[in-house]
Amino acid sequence: MEKNLELITAYIELRVTPTSGAGFDKLAERICQYPQVKSLRLMSGGYDFAITVEGKDIKDIAMFVSEKLSTLGGIVATSTHFELKKYKEDGVIFPFESDDNREVITL
């Protein structure tokens, strides 16, 4: 079986209700156990956690969010954003040439 090396990356904003006595740590510890989770950060602002996940395709990530993440106790809301194109990471700028052969549609 051929392994798909092209993984899809998604960024998930998560609003939660912290547990009494443990705050955010108990839930963070549970979320970190999933192999799809590549990073997890406690944030200030409109949401509590920023999660980076990887999956084999969009459906794989959607199933992770609906079947695993959203079923954890204390989850108030999720917002998932899919990475479409990477321009720069860790100080490295990626080429801007596009080999995108999709048909351009204009109205």
PDB file of N, CA and C in Angstrom:
ATOM      1  N   MET A   1       0.847  -1.187   0.000  1.00  0.00           N
ATOM      2  CA  MET A   1       0.000   0.000   0.000  1.00  0.00           C
ATOM      3  C   MET A   1       0.890   1.248   0.000  1.00  0.00           C
ATOM      4  N   GLU A   2       0.623   2.158  -0.917  1.00  0.00           N
ATOM      5  CA  GLU A   2       1.408   3.378  -1.032  1.00  0.00           C
ATOM      6  C   GLU A   2       0.980   4.389   0.018  1.00  0.00           C
ATOM      7  N   LYS A   3       1.959   4.978   0.678  1.00  0.00           N
ATOM      8  CA  LYS A   3       1.672   5.964   1.727  1.00  0.00           C
ATOM      9  C   LYS A   3       1.562   7.357   1.109  1.00  0.00           C
ATOM     10  N   ASN A   4       0.505   8.085   1.473  1.00  0.00           N
ATOM     11  CA  ASN A   4       0.294   9.450   0.985  1.00  0.00           C
ATOM     12  C   ASN A   4       1.159  10.404   1.805  1.00  0.00           C
ATOM     13  N   LEU A   5       2.144  11.013   1.163  1.00  0.00           N
ATOM     14  CA  LEU A   5       3.037  11.922   1.865  1.00  0.00           C
ATOM     15  C   LEU A   5       2.500  13.349   1.890  1.00  0.00           C
ATOM     16  N   GLU A   6       1.471  13.632   1.106  1.00  0.00           N
ATOM     17  CA  GLU A   6       0.870  14.957   1.049  1.00  0.00           C
ATOM     18  C   GLU A   6      -0.249  15.045   2.085  1.00  0.00           C
ATOM     19  N   LEU A   7       0.063  15.567   3.241  1.00  0.00           N
ATOM     20  CA  LEU A   7      -0.948  15.707   4.286  1.00  0.00           C
ATOM     21  C   LEU A   7      -1.603  17.079   4.212  1.00  0.00           C
ATOM     22  N   ILE A   8      -2.840  17.150   4.633  1.00  0.00           N
ATOM     23  CA  ILE A   8      -3.584  18.402   4.713  1.00  0.00           C
ATOM     24  C   ILE A   8      -3.372  18.974   6.114  1.00  0.00           C
ATOM     25  N   THR A   9      -3.110  20.271   6.200  1.00  0.00           N
ATOM     26  CA  THR A   9      -2.945  20.935   7.486  1.00  0.00           C
ATOM     27  C   THR A   9      -4.158  21.816   7.751  1.00  0.00           C
ATOM     28  N   ALA A  10      -4.654  21.758   8.980  1.00  0.00           N
ATOM     29  CA  ALA A  10      -5.771  22.608   9.386  1.00  0.00           C
ATOM     30  C   ALA A  10      -5.432  23.265  10.716  1.00  0.00           C
ATOM     31  N   TYR A  11      -6.002  24.438  10.915  1.00  0.00           N
ATOM     32  CA  TYR A  11      -5.836  25.186  12.159  1.00  0.00           C
ATOM     33  C   TYR A  11      -7.213  25.297  12.788  1.00  0.00           C
ATOM     34  N   ILE A  12      -7.306  24.872  14.022  1.00  0.00           N
ATOM     35  CA  ILE A  12      -8.598  24.840  14.698  1.00  0.00           C
ATOM     36  C   ILE A  12      -8.580  25.795  15.876  1.00  0.00           C
ATOM     37  N   GLU A  13      -9.544  26.695  15.896  1.00  0.00           N
ATOM     38  CA  GLU A  13      -9.769  27.562  17.050  1.00  0.00           C
ATOM     39  C   GLU A  13     -10.778  26.844  17.929  1.00  0.00           C
ATOM     40  N   LEU A  14     -10.498  26.778  19.212  1.00  0.00           N
ATOM     41  CA  LEU A  14     -11.352  26.018  20.120  1.00  0.00           C
ATOM     42  C   LEU A  14     -11.710  26.872  21.321  1.00  0.00           C
ATOM     43  N   ARG A  15     -13.005  27.026  21.557  1.00  0.00           N
ATOM     44  CA  ARG A  15     -13.477  27.680  22.780  1.00  0.00           C
ATOM     45  C   ARG A  15     -13.933  26.598  23.734  1.00  0.00           C
ATOM     46  N   VAL A  16     -13.515  26.726  24.991  1.00  0.00           N
ATOM     47  CA  VAL A  16     -13.811  25.678  25.968  1.00  0.00           C
ATOM     48  C   VAL A  16     -14.256  26.286  27.287  1.00  0.00           C
ATOM     49  N   THR A  17     -14.819  25.439  28.137  1.00  0.00           N
ATOM     50  CA  THR A  17     -15.106  25.793  29.518  1.00  0.00           C
ATOM     51  C   THR A  17     -14.065  25.084  30.371  1.00  0.00           C
ATOM     52  N   PRO A  18     -13.180  25.836  31.036  1.00  0.00           N
ATOM     53  CA  PRO A  18     -12.139  25.183  31.832  1.00  0.00           C
ATOM     54  C   PRO A  18     -12.728  24.382  32.993  1.00  0.00           C
ATOM     55  N   THR A  19     -12.056  23.291  33.351  1.00  0.00           N
ATOM     56  CA  THR A  19     -12.544  22.454  34.445  1.00  0.00           C
ATOM     57  C   THR A  19     -12.163  23.058  35.791  1.00  0.00           C
ATOM     58  N   SER A  20     -13.015  22.846  36.758  1.00  0.00           N
ATOM     59  CA  SER A  20     -12.785  23.365  38.104  1.00  0.00           C
ATOM     60  C   SER A  20     -11.541  22.728  38.705  1.00  0.00           C
ATOM     61  N   GLY A  21     -10.650  23.549  39.208  1.00  0.00           N
ATOM     62  CA  GLY A  21      -9.443  23.070  39.865  1.00  0.00           C
ATOM     63  C   GLY A  21      -8.273  22.806  38.941  1.00  0.00           C
ATOM     64  N   ALA A  22      -8.528  22.498  37.659  1.00  0.00           N
ATOM     65  CA  ALA A  22      -7.438  22.183  36.731  1.00  0.00           C
ATOM     66  C   ALA A  22      -7.304  23.223  35.621  1.00  0.00           C
ATOM     67  N   GLY A  23      -8.279  24.112  35.515  1.00  0.00           N
ATOM     68  CA  GLY A  23      -8.223  25.119  34.455  1.00  0.00           C
ATOM     69  C   GLY A  23      -8.244  24.477  33.088  1.00  0.00           C
ATOM     70  N   PHE A  24      -7.353  24.926  32.216  1.00  0.00           N
ATOM     71  CA  PHE A  24      -7.292  24.435  30.845  1.00  0.00           C
ATOM     72  C   PHE A  24      -6.396  23.201  30.710  1.00  0.00           C
ATOM     73  N   ASP A  25      -5.558  22.957  31.695  1.00  0.00           N
ATOM     74  CA  ASP A  25      -4.534  21.923  31.579  1.00  0.00           C
ATOM     75  C   ASP A  25      -5.082  20.511  31.373  1.00  0.00           C
ATOM     76  N   LYS A  26      -6.123  20.153  32.076  1.00  0.00           N
ATOM     77  CA  LYS A  26      -6.678  18.801  31.972  1.00  0.00           C
ATOM     78  C   LYS A  26      -7.173  18.521  30.552  1.00  0.00           C
ATOM     79  N   LEU A  27      -7.899  19.469  29.978  1.00  0.00           N
ATOM     80  CA  LEU A  27      -8.396  19.303  28.614  1.00  0.00           C
ATOM     81  C   LEU A  27      -7.236  19.311  27.613  1.00  0.00           C
ATOM     82  N   ALA A  28      -6.277  20.185  27.820  1.00  0.00           N
ATOM     83  CA  ALA A  28      -5.110  20.239  26.931  1.00  0.00           C
ATOM     84  C   ALA A  28      -4.360  18.912  26.938  1.00  0.00           C
ATOM     85  N   GLU A  29      -4.237  18.311  28.102  1.00  0.00           N
ATOM     86  CA  GLU A  29      -3.556  17.023  28.218  1.00  0.00           C
ATOM     87  C   GLU A  29      -4.264  15.952  27.382  1.00  0.00           C
ATOM     88  N   ARG A  30      -5.588  15.961  27.385  1.00  0.00           N
ATOM     89  CA  ARG A  30      -6.361  14.996  26.594  1.00  0.00           C
ATOM     90  C   ARG A  30      -6.203  15.251  25.101  1.00  0.00           C
ATOM     91  N   ILE A  31      -6.268  16.520  24.698  1.00  0.00           N
ATOM     92  CA  ILE A  31      -6.163  16.866  23.277  1.00  0.00           C
ATOM     93  C   ILE A  31      -4.789  16.491  22.729  1.00  0.00           C
ATOM     94  N   CYS A  32      -3.752  16.678  23.530  1.00  0.00           N
ATOM     95  CA  CYS A  32      -2.384  16.374  23.095  1.00  0.00           C
ATOM     96  C   CYS A  32      -2.173  14.901  22.771  1.00  0.00           C
ATOM     97  N   GLN A  33      -3.005  14.024  23.290  1.00  0.00           N
ATOM     98  CA  GLN A  33      -2.841  12.587  23.078  1.00  0.00           C
ATOM     99  C   GLN A  33      -3.189  12.127  21.661  1.00  0.00           C
ATOM    100  N   TYR A  34      -3.946  12.928  20.930  1.00  0.00           N
ATOM    101  CA  TYR A  34      -4.328  12.538  19.574  1.00  0.00           C
ATOM    102  C   TYR A  34      -3.147  12.706  18.618  1.00  0.00           C
ATOM    103  N   PRO A  35      -2.835  11.691  17.817  1.00  0.00           N
ATOM    104  CA  PRO A  35      -1.694  11.794  16.891  1.00  0.00           C
ATOM    105  C   PRO A  35      -1.896  12.843  15.796  1.00  0.00           C
ATOM    106  N   GLN A  36      -3.138  13.203  15.488  1.00  0.00           N
ATOM    107  CA  GLN A  36      -3.401  14.227  14.471  1.00  0.00           C
ATOM    108  C   GLN A  36      -2.959  15.609  14.927  1.00  0.00           C
ATOM    109  N   VAL A  37      -2.888  15.813  16.252  1.00  0.00           N
ATOM    110  CA  VAL A  37      -2.553  17.128  16.813  1.00  0.00           C
ATOM    111  C   VAL A  37      -1.048  17.333  16.755  1.00  0.00           C
ATOM    112  N   LYS A  38      -0.624  18.322  15.975  1.00  0.00           N
ATOM    113  CA  LYS A  38       0.798  18.622  15.826  1.00  0.00           C
ATOM    114  C   LYS A  38       1.244  19.725  16.770  1.00  0.00           C
ATOM    115  N   SER A  39       0.336  20.628  17.126  1.00  0.00           N
ATOM    116  CA  SER A  39       0.638  21.657  18.122  1.00  0.00           C
ATOM    117  C   SER A  39      -0.646  22.094  18.803  1.00  0.00           C
ATOM    118  N   LEU A  40      -0.507  22.533  20.034  1.00  0.00           N
ATOM    119  CA  LEU A  40      -1.636  23.011  20.829  1.00  0.00           C
ATOM    120  C   LEU A  40      -1.142  24.161  21.690  1.00  0.00           C
ATOM    121  N   ARG A  41      -1.828  25.295  21.599  1.00  0.00           N
ATOM    122  CA  ARG A  41      -1.424  26.490  22.344  1.00  0.00           C
ATOM    123  C   ARG A  41      -2.626  27.109  23.034  1.00  0.00           C
ATOM    124  N   LEU A  42      -2.428  27.563  24.271  1.00  0.00           N
ATOM    125  CA  LEU A  42      -3.434  28.341  24.987  1.00  0.00           C
ATOM    126  C   LEU A  42      -3.297  29.778  24.513  1.00  0.00           C
ATOM    127  N   MET A  43      -4.426  30.399  24.153  1.00  0.00           N
ATOM    128  CA  MET A  43      -4.394  31.725  23.542  1.00  0.00           C
ATOM    129  C   MET A  43      -5.193  32.738  24.366  1.00  0.00           C
ATOM    130  N   SER A  44      -4.880  34.003  24.152  1.00  0.00           N
ATOM    131  CA  SER A  44      -5.731  35.075  24.665  1.00  0.00           C
ATOM    132  C   SER A  44      -6.645  35.495  23.515  1.00  0.00           C
ATOM    133  N   GLY A  45      -7.718  36.190  23.831  1.00  0.00           N
ATOM    134  CA  GLY A  45      -8.588  36.684  22.770  1.00  0.00           C
ATOM    135  C   GLY A  45      -9.894  35.939  22.663  1.00  0.00           C
ATOM    136  N   GLY A  46     -10.382  35.785  21.446  1.00  0.00           N
ATOM    137  CA  GLY A  46     -11.709  35.251  21.188  1.00  0.00           C
ATOM    138  C   GLY A  46     -11.858  33.749  21.324  1.00  0.00           C
ATOM    139  N   TYR A  47     -10.770  33.020  21.401  1.00  0.00           N
ATOM    140  CA  TYR A  47     -10.840  31.576  21.587  1.00  0.00           C
ATOM    141  C   TYR A  47      -9.742  31.157  22.552  1.00  0.00           C
ATOM    142  N   ASP A  48      -9.839  29.954  23.070  1.00  0.00           N
ATOM    143  CA  ASP A  48      -8.929  29.508  24.125  1.00  0.00           C
ATOM    144  C   ASP A  48      -7.726  28.723  23.622  1.00  0.00           C
ATOM    145  N   PHE A  49      -7.938  27.791  22.703  1.00  0.00           N
ATOM    146  CA  PHE A  49      -6.858  26.967  22.180  1.00  0.00           C
ATOM    147  C   PHE A  49      -6.687  27.186  20.692  1.00  0.00           C
ATOM    148  N   ALA A  50      -5.453  27.151  20.235  1.00  0.00           N
ATOM    149  CA  ALA A  50      -5.117  27.105  18.813  1.00  0.00           C
ATOM    150  C   ALA A  50      -4.474  25.746  18.580  1.00  0.00           C
ATOM    151  N   ILE A  51      -5.071  24.965  17.692  1.00  0.00           N
ATOM    152  CA  ILE A  51      -4.609  23.609  17.440  1.00  0.00           C
ATOM    153  C   ILE A  51      -4.211  23.487  15.973  1.00  0.00           C
ATOM    154  N   THR A  52      -3.064  22.890  15.715  1.00  0.00           N
ATOM    155  CA  THR A  52      -2.649  22.547  14.359  1.00  0.00           C
ATOM    156  C   THR A  52      -2.779  21.044  14.224  1.00  0.00           C
ATOM    157  N   VAL A  53      -3.515  20.611  13.202  1.00  0.00           N
ATOM    158  CA  VAL A  53      -3.703  19.176  12.970  1.00  0.00           C
ATOM    159  C   VAL A  53      -3.331  18.838  11.531  1.00  0.00           C
ATOM    160  N   GLU A  54      -3.006  17.564  11.320  1.00  0.00           N
ATOM    161  CA  GLU A  54      -2.735  17.067   9.979  1.00  0.00           C
ATOM    162  C   GLU A  54      -3.584  15.830   9.734  1.00  0.00           C
ATOM    163  N   GLY A  55      -4.009  15.676   8.489  1.00  0.00           N
ATOM    164  CA  GLY A  55      -4.788  14.513   8.096  1.00  0.00           C
ATOM    165  C   GLY A  55      -4.530  14.179   6.652  1.00  0.00           C
ATOM    166  N   LYS A  56      -5.018  13.018   6.219  1.00  0.00           N
ATOM    167  CA  LYS A  56      -4.766  12.588   4.840  1.00  0.00           C
ATOM    168  C   LYS A  56      -5.595  13.376   3.827  1.00  0.00           C
ATOM    169  N   ASP A  57      -6.740  13.910   4.283  1.00  0.00           N
ATOM    170  CA  ASP A  57      -7.580  14.739   3.416  1.00  0.00           C
ATOM    171  C   ASP A  57      -8.541  15.549   4.295  1.00  0.00           C
ATOM    172  N   ILE A  58      -9.341  16.387   3.660  1.00  0.00           N
ATOM    173  CA  ILE A  58     -10.267  17.245   4.404  1.00  0.00           C
ATOM    174  C   ILE A  58     -11.271  16.418   5.192  1.00  0.00           C
ATOM    175  N   LYS A  59     -11.753  15.331   4.600  1.00  0.00           N
ATOM    176  CA  LYS A  59     -12.712  14.477   5.293  1.00  0.00           C
ATOM    177  C   LYS A  59     -12.098  13.880   6.559  1.00  0.00           C
ATOM    178  N   ASP A  60     -10.842  13.490   6.491  1.00  0.00           N
ATOM    179  CA  ASP A  60     -10.144  12.923   7.643  1.00  0.00           C
ATOM    180  C   ASP A  60     -10.108  13.926   8.806  1.00  0.00           C
ATOM    181  N   ILE A  61      -9.817  15.171   8.492  1.00  0.00           N
ATOM    182  CA  ILE A  61      -9.783  16.212   9.526  1.00  0.00           C
ATOM    183  C   ILE A  61     -11.190  16.509  10.039  1.00  0.00           C
ATOM    184  N   ALA A  62     -12.156  16.561   9.138  1.00  0.00           N
ATOM    185  CA  ALA A  62     -13.543  16.804   9.545  1.00  0.00           C
ATOM    186  C   ALA A  62     -14.031  15.716  10.496  1.00  0.00           C
ATOM    187  N   MET A  63     -13.694  14.470  10.213  1.00  0.00           N
ATOM    188  CA  MET A  63     -14.089  13.361  11.082  1.00  0.00           C
ATOM    189  C   MET A  63     -13.395  13.470  12.447  1.00  0.00           C
ATOM    190  N   PHE A  64     -12.138  13.897  12.458  1.00  0.00           N
ATOM    191  CA  PHE A  64     -11.432  14.088  13.719  1.00  0.00           C
ATOM    192  C   PHE A  64     -12.135  15.137  14.572  1.00  0.00           C
ATOM    193  N   VAL A  65     -12.506  16.255  13.944  1.00  0.00           N
ATOM    194  CA  VAL A  65     -13.179  17.329  14.683  1.00  0.00           C
ATOM    195  C   VAL A  65     -14.533  16.867  15.197  1.00  0.00           C
ATOM    196  N   SER A  66     -15.328  16.211  14.342  1.00  0.00           N
ATOM    197  CA  SER A  66     -16.682  15.846  14.744  1.00  0.00           C
ATOM    198  C   SER A  66     -16.744  14.638  15.675  1.00  0.00           C
ATOM    199  N   GLU A  67     -15.868  13.669  15.482  1.00  0.00           N
ATOM    200  CA  GLU A  67     -15.951  12.442  16.272  1.00  0.00           C
ATOM    201  C   GLU A  67     -15.052  12.415  17.502  1.00  0.00           C
ATOM    202  N   LYS A  68     -13.973  13.159  17.474  1.00  0.00           N
ATOM    203  CA  LYS A  68     -13.019  13.125  18.594  1.00  0.00           C
ATOM    204  C   LYS A  68     -13.042  14.434  19.390  1.00  0.00           C
ATOM    205  N   LEU A  69     -12.696  15.512  18.712  1.00  0.00           N
ATOM    206  CA  LEU A  69     -12.497  16.787  19.398  1.00  0.00           C
ATOM    207  C   LEU A  69     -13.788  17.353  19.977  1.00  0.00           C
ATOM    208  N   SER A  70     -14.833  17.430  19.170  1.00  0.00           N
ATOM    209  CA  SER A  70     -16.065  18.074  19.637  1.00  0.00           C
ATOM    210  C   SER A  70     -16.822  17.255  20.681  1.00  0.00           C
ATOM    211  N   THR A  71     -16.460  15.991  20.834  1.00  0.00           N
ATOM    212  CA  THR A  71     -17.141  15.153  21.820  1.00  0.00           C
ATOM    213  C   THR A  71     -16.496  15.230  23.208  1.00  0.00           C
ATOM    214  N   LEU A  72     -15.362  15.879  23.317  1.00  0.00           N
ATOM    215  CA  LEU A  72     -14.727  16.041  24.623  1.00  0.00           C
ATOM    216  C   LEU A  72     -15.565  16.970  25.491  1.00  0.00           C
ATOM    217  N   GLY A  73     -15.659  16.694  26.758  1.00  0.00           N
ATOM    218  CA  GLY A  73     -16.407  17.557  27.668  1.00  0.00           C
ATOM    219  C   GLY A  73     -15.768  18.928  27.774  1.00  0.00           C
ATOM    220  N   GLY A  74     -16.594  19.949  27.833  1.00  0.00           N
ATOM    221  CA  GLY A  74     -16.093  21.311  28.000  1.00  0.00           C
ATOM    222  C   GLY A  74     -15.903  22.079  26.713  1.00  0.00           C
ATOM    223  N   ILE A  75     -16.122  21.442  25.560  1.00  0.00           N
ATOM    224  CA  ILE A  75     -15.962  22.129  24.277  1.00  0.00           C
ATOM    225  C   ILE A  75     -17.198  22.982  24.027  1.00  0.00           C
ATOM    226  N   VAL A  76     -16.988  24.273  23.808  1.00  0.00           N
ATOM    227  CA  VAL A  76     -18.085  25.201  23.535  1.00  0.00           C
ATOM    228  C   VAL A  76     -18.255  25.408  22.029  1.00  0.00           C
ATOM    229  N   ALA A  77     -17.138  25.598  21.306  1.00  0.00           N
ATOM    230  CA  ALA A  77     -17.210  25.848  19.861  1.00  0.00           C
ATOM    231  C   ALA A  77     -15.876  25.532  19.204  1.00  0.00           C
ATOM    232  N   THR A  78     -15.956  25.134  17.931  1.00  0.00           N
ATOM    233  CA  THR A  78     -14.753  24.931  17.126  1.00  0.00           C
ATOM    234  C   THR A  78     -14.884  25.735  15.842  1.00  0.00           C
ATOM    235  N   SER A  79     -13.749  26.141  15.301  1.00  0.00           N
ATOM    236  CA  SER A  79     -13.702  26.800  14.004  1.00  0.00           C
ATOM    237  C   SER A  79     -12.465  26.273  13.289  1.00  0.00           C
ATOM    238  N   THR A  80     -12.677  25.593  12.163  1.00  0.00           N
ATOM    239  CA  THR A  80     -11.577  24.938  11.453  1.00  0.00           C
ATOM    240  C   THR A  80     -11.225  25.706  10.196  1.00  0.00           C
ATOM    241  N   HIS A  81      -9.929  25.923  10.007  1.00  0.00           N
ATOM    242  CA  HIS A  81      -9.404  26.644   8.847  1.00  0.00           C
ATOM    243  C   HIS A  81      -8.390  25.740   8.149  1.00  0.00           C
ATOM    244  N   PHE A  82      -8.550  25.535   6.839  1.00  0.00           N
ATOM    245  CA  PHE A  82      -7.646  24.670   6.092  1.00  0.00           C
ATOM    246  C   PHE A  82      -6.571  25.487   5.403  1.00  0.00           C
ATOM    247  N   GLU A  83      -5.346  25.004   5.470  1.00  0.00           N
ATOM    248  CA  GLU A  83      -4.227  25.659   4.796  1.00  0.00           C
ATOM    249  C   GLU A  83      -4.361  25.419   3.300  1.00  0.00           C
ATOM    250  N   LEU A  84      -4.354  26.502   2.519  1.00  0.00           N
ATOM    251  CA  LEU A  84      -4.489  26.397   1.073  1.00  0.00           C
ATOM    252  C   LEU A  84      -3.145  26.459   0.362  1.00  0.00           C
ATOM    253  N   LYS A  85      -2.272  27.340   0.835  1.00  0.00           N
ATOM    254  CA  LYS A  85      -0.962  27.493   0.214  1.00  0.00           C
ATOM    255  C   LYS A  85      -0.010  28.072   1.244  1.00  0.00           C
ATOM    256  N   LYS A  86       1.217  27.612   1.220  1.00  0.00           N
ATOM    257  CA  LYS A  86       2.232  28.087   2.157  1.00  0.00           C
ATOM    258  C   LYS A  86       3.183  29.023   1.415  1.00  0.00           C
ATOM    259  N   TYR A  87       3.378  30.235   1.949  1.00  0.00           N
ATOM    260  CA  TYR A  87       4.274  31.209   1.338  1.00  0.00           C
ATOM    261  C   TYR A  87       5.606  31.315   2.086  1.00  0.00           C
ATOM    262  N   LYS A  88       5.569  31.181   3.397  1.00  0.00           N
ATOM    263  CA  LYS A  88       6.784  31.308   4.193  1.00  0.00           C
ATOM    264  C   LYS A  88       6.604  30.528   5.481  1.00  0.00           C
ATOM    265  N   GLU A  89       7.661  29.817   5.893  1.00  0.00           N
ATOM    266  CA  GLU A  89       7.624  29.087   7.145  1.00  0.00           C
ATOM    267  C   GLU A  89       9.036  28.984   7.706  1.00  0.00           C
ATOM    268  N   ASP A  90       9.151  29.230   9.002  1.00  0.00           N
ATOM    269  CA  ASP A  90      10.447  29.176   9.680  1.00  0.00           C
ATOM    270  C   ASP A  90      11.511  29.996   8.960  1.00  0.00           C
ATOM    271  N   GLY A  91      11.107  31.143   8.429  1.00  0.00           N
ATOM    272  CA  GLY A  91      12.042  32.040   7.754  1.00  0.00           C
ATOM    273  C   GLY A  91      12.322  31.692   6.309  1.00  0.00           C
ATOM    274  N   VAL A  92      11.801  30.601   5.822  1.00  0.00           N
ATOM    275  CA  VAL A  92      12.033  30.173   4.444  1.00  0.00           C
ATOM    276  C   VAL A  92      10.862  30.600   3.574  1.00  0.00           C
ATOM    277  N   ILE A  93      11.163  31.358   2.509  1.00  0.00           N
ATOM    278  CA  ILE A  93      10.143  31.797   1.559  1.00  0.00           C
ATOM    279  C   ILE A  93      10.055  30.766   0.445  1.00  0.00           C
ATOM    280  N   PHE A  94       8.847  30.340   0.134  1.00  0.00           N
ATOM    281  CA  PHE A  94       8.628  29.346  -0.914  1.00  0.00           C
ATOM    282  C   PHE A  94       8.444  30.045  -2.254  1.00  0.00           C
ATOM    283  N   PRO A  95       8.759  29.365  -3.357  1.00  0.00           N
ATOM    284  CA  PRO A  95       8.618  29.978  -4.688  1.00  0.00           C
ATOM    285  C   PRO A  95       7.182  30.434  -4.943  1.00  0.00           C
ATOM    286  N   PHE A  96       7.056  31.576  -5.611  1.00  0.00           N
ATOM    287  CA  PHE A  96       5.737  32.134  -5.898  1.00  0.00           C
ATOM    288  C   PHE A  96       5.207  31.697  -7.255  1.00  0.00           C
ATOM    289  N   GLU A  97       6.021  30.971  -8.045  1.00  0.00           N
ATOM    290  CA  GLU A  97       5.533  30.480  -9.327  1.00  0.00           C
ATOM    291  C   GLU A  97       4.412  29.492  -9.063  1.00  0.00           C
ATOM    292  N   SER A  98       3.459  29.502  -9.937  1.00  0.00           N
ATOM    293  CA  SER A  98       2.317  28.614  -9.758  1.00  0.00           C
ATOM    294  C   SER A  98       2.238  27.643 -10.927  1.00  0.00           C
ATOM    295  N   ASP A  99       2.096  26.370 -10.625  1.00  0.00           N
ATOM    296  CA  ASP A  99       1.858  25.389 -11.665  1.00  0.00           C
ATOM    297  C   ASP A  99       0.399  24.965 -11.646  1.00  0.00           C
ATOM    298  N   ASP A 100      -0.429  25.887 -11.185  1.00  0.00           N
ATOM    299  CA  ASP A 100      -1.865  25.654 -11.076  1.00  0.00           C
ATOM    300  C   ASP A 100      -2.477  25.723 -12.467  1.00  0.00           C
ATOM    301  N   ASN A 101      -3.011  24.613 -12.936  1.00  0.00           N
ATOM    302  CA  ASN A 101      -3.587  24.546 -14.271  1.00  0.00           C
ATOM    303  C   ASN A 101      -5.093  24.571 -14.274  1.00  0.00           C
ATOM    304  N   ARG A 102      -5.680  25.004 -13.152  1.00  0.00           N
ATOM    305  CA  ARG A 102      -7.137  25.073 -13.109  1.00  0.00           C
ATOM    306  C   ARG A 102      -7.641  26.166 -14.047  1.00  0.00           C
ATOM    307  N   GLU A 103      -8.815  25.969 -14.601  1.00  0.00           N
ATOM    308  CA  GLU A 103      -9.401  26.931 -15.497  1.00  0.00           C
ATOM    309  C   GLU A 103      -9.850  28.167 -14.734  1.00  0.00           C
ATOM    310  N   VAL A 104      -9.519  29.331 -15.247  1.00  0.00           N
ATOM    311  CA  VAL A 104      -9.925  30.579 -14.632  1.00  0.00           C
ATOM    312  C   VAL A 104     -11.363  30.876 -15.048  1.00  0.00           C
ATOM    313  N   ILE A 105     -12.199  31.170 -14.057  1.00  0.00           N
ATOM    314  CA  ILE A 105     -13.606  31.481 -14.331  1.00  0.00           C
ATOM    315  C   ILE A 105     -13.845  32.925 -13.959  1.00  0.00           C
ATOM    316  N   THR A 106     -14.368  33.704 -14.894  1.00  0.00           N
ATOM    317  CA  THR A 106     -14.680  35.105 -14.620  1.00  0.00           C
ATOM    318  C   THR A 106     -16.164  35.322 -14.848  1.00  0.00           C
ATOM    319  N   LEU A 107     -16.697  36.279 -14.137  1.00  0.00           N
ATOM    320  CA  LEU A 107     -18.124  36.598 -14.283  1.00  0.00           C
ATOM    321  C   LEU A 107     -18.307  37.840 -15.100  1.00  0.00           C
TER     322      LEU A 107
END
